[in-house]
Amino acid sequence: MVNVGTAPASGRSVFGDAALVVFLLAQACDGVLTYVGVTVYGTHMEGNPLISWLMAALGEGPALLSAKLMAVGFGIALHLSAVHRTIAALAAFYMTVAVVPWIAVLFVWA
């Protein structure tokens, strides 16, 4: 087994735990907002072609649930590998390119 990160000396990282919580919240918010957005405006609003294809194949709910569960699983794996800065960067990325744009589309421009 390859150790991706280095575990902190105390075995716990407050920063790592916080990064994981923010990442998980970002995933949940993105999933809910995306579901509402594609339900209201159609699947053409989804910017990720893979997720859009998955929605066409499985339906909006199952596609988003499977994608978000996979992302959460990978995020937890990174957390267990103590790659906390990467998780924090991914959380910031999701908030910037997924959550904030959906909020703008659904609540500001609506």
Protein backbone atom coordinates (compact mmCIF):
# COMPACT_ATOMS: atom_id res chain seq x y z
CA MET A 1 0.00 0.00 0.00
CA VAL A 2 1.32 3.42 -0.92
CA ASN A 3 1.20 6.15 1.73
CA VAL A 4 0.14 9.27 -0.16
CA GLY A 5 0.54 11.75 2.69
CA THR A 6 2.17 11.81 6.04
CA ALA A 7 0.03 11.36 9.10
CA PRO A 8 0.31 14.07 11.75
CA ALA A 9 2.23 13.20 14.90
CA SER A 10 -0.90 13.30 17.09
CA GLY A 11 -2.88 11.14 14.67
CA ARG A 12 -5.49 13.91 14.19
CA SER A 13 -5.47 17.14 12.28
CA VAL A 14 -7.98 19.86 13.07
CA PHE A 15 -7.22 21.46 9.70
CA GLY A 16 -7.71 18.10 7.98
CA ASP A 17 -10.99 17.45 9.75
CA ALA A 18 -12.24 20.96 8.89
CA ALA A 19 -11.12 20.57 5.27
CA LEU A 20 -13.01 17.28 5.01
CA VAL A 21 -16.18 18.78 6.51
CA VAL A 22 -16.06 21.73 4.10
CA PHE A 23 -15.41 19.33 1.20
CA LEU A 24 -18.37 17.16 2.21
CA LEU A 25 -20.63 20.22 2.56
CA ALA A 26 -19.49 21.47 -0.85
CA GLN A 27 -20.34 18.09 -2.39
CA ALA A 28 -23.77 18.05 -0.74
CA CYS A 29 -24.53 21.62 -1.79
CA ASP A 30 -23.35 20.96 -5.32
CA GLY A 31 -25.48 17.83 -5.56
CA VAL A 32 -28.65 19.51 -4.28
CA LEU A 33 -28.20 22.69 -6.30
CA THR A 34 -27.35 20.74 -9.46
CA TYR A 35 -30.44 18.58 -9.01
CA VAL A 36 -32.65 21.64 -8.58
CA GLY A 37 -30.96 23.38 -11.50
CA VAL A 38 -31.32 20.53 -13.97
CA THR A 39 -34.88 19.87 -12.80
CA VAL A 40 -35.83 23.51 -13.41
CA TYR A 41 -33.73 24.31 -16.50
CA GLY A 42 -32.90 20.91 -18.02
CA THR A 43 -29.82 18.74 -18.19
CA HIS A 44 -28.18 21.04 -20.72
CA MET A 45 -27.34 23.29 -17.72
CA GLU A 46 -24.89 20.69 -16.40
CA GLY A 47 -21.40 21.77 -17.38
CA ASN A 48 -19.68 18.42 -16.87
CA PRO A 49 -20.22 16.27 -19.98
CA LEU A 50 -19.63 13.04 -18.06
CA ILE A 51 -22.31 13.90 -15.49
CA SER A 52 -24.62 15.08 -18.28
CA TRP A 53 -24.17 11.74 -20.04
CA LEU A 54 -24.75 9.90 -16.77
CA MET A 55 -27.97 11.89 -16.27
CA ALA A 56 -29.18 10.87 -19.73
CA ALA A 57 -28.36 7.23 -18.98
CA LEU A 58 -29.55 6.93 -15.36
CA GLY A 59 -31.72 9.98 -14.68
CA GLU A 60 -30.81 13.12 -12.78
CA GLY A 61 -31.14 11.79 -9.23
CA PRO A 62 -29.28 8.49 -9.59
CA ALA A 63 -26.54 10.11 -11.69
CA LEU A 64 -25.91 12.86 -9.17
CA LEU A 65 -26.11 10.49 -6.22
CA SER A 66 -23.58 8.11 -7.73
CA ALA A 67 -21.22 10.93 -8.73
CA LYS A 68 -21.40 12.60 -5.33
CA LEU A 69 -20.95 9.32 -3.44
CA MET A 70 -17.87 8.61 -5.54
CA ALA A 71 -16.48 12.09 -4.86
CA VAL A 72 -17.17 11.70 -1.13
CA GLY A 73 -15.43 8.32 -1.15
CA PHE A 74 -12.36 9.77 -2.84
CA GLY A 75 -12.38 12.73 -0.45
CA ILE A 76 -12.46 10.40 2.56
CA ALA A 77 -9.65 8.34 1.04
CA LEU A 78 -7.56 11.50 0.68
CA HIS A 79 -8.38 12.44 4.28
CA LEU A 80 -7.31 9.02 5.53
CA SER A 81 -4.09 9.46 3.55
CA ALA A 82 -3.52 12.82 5.29
CA VAL A 83 -3.57 14.85 2.08
CA HIS A 84 -5.46 17.67 3.75
CA ARG A 85 -4.28 20.59 1.63
CA THR A 86 -5.52 18.80 -1.46
CA ILE A 87 -8.93 18.29 0.15
CA ALA A 88 -9.03 21.97 1.11
CA ALA A 89 -8.10 22.97 -2.45
CA LEU A 90 -10.81 20.69 -3.87
CA ALA A 91 -13.38 22.15 -1.46
CA ALA A 92 -12.45 25.68 -2.55
CA PHE A 93 -12.57 24.58 -6.19
CA TYR A 94 -16.07 23.09 -5.84
CA MET A 95 -17.35 26.13 -3.99
CA THR A 96 -15.93 28.42 -6.69
CA VAL A 97 -16.87 26.57 -9.87
CA ALA A 98 -19.97 24.64 -8.81
CA VAL A 99 -21.79 25.95 -5.75
CA VAL A 100 -21.46 29.71 -6.30
CA PRO A 101 -22.49 29.56 -9.99
CA TRP A 102 -25.57 27.45 -9.15
CA ILE A 103 -26.53 29.90 -6.41
CA ALA A 104 -26.19 32.71 -8.93
CA VAL A 105 -28.32 30.90 -11.53
CA LEU A 106 -31.01 29.71 -9.14
CA PHE A 107 -31.35 32.63 -6.73
CA VAL A 108 -29.74 35.77 -8.16
CA TRP A 109 -30.60 35.62 -11.86
CA ALA A 110 -33.91 33.79 -11.48
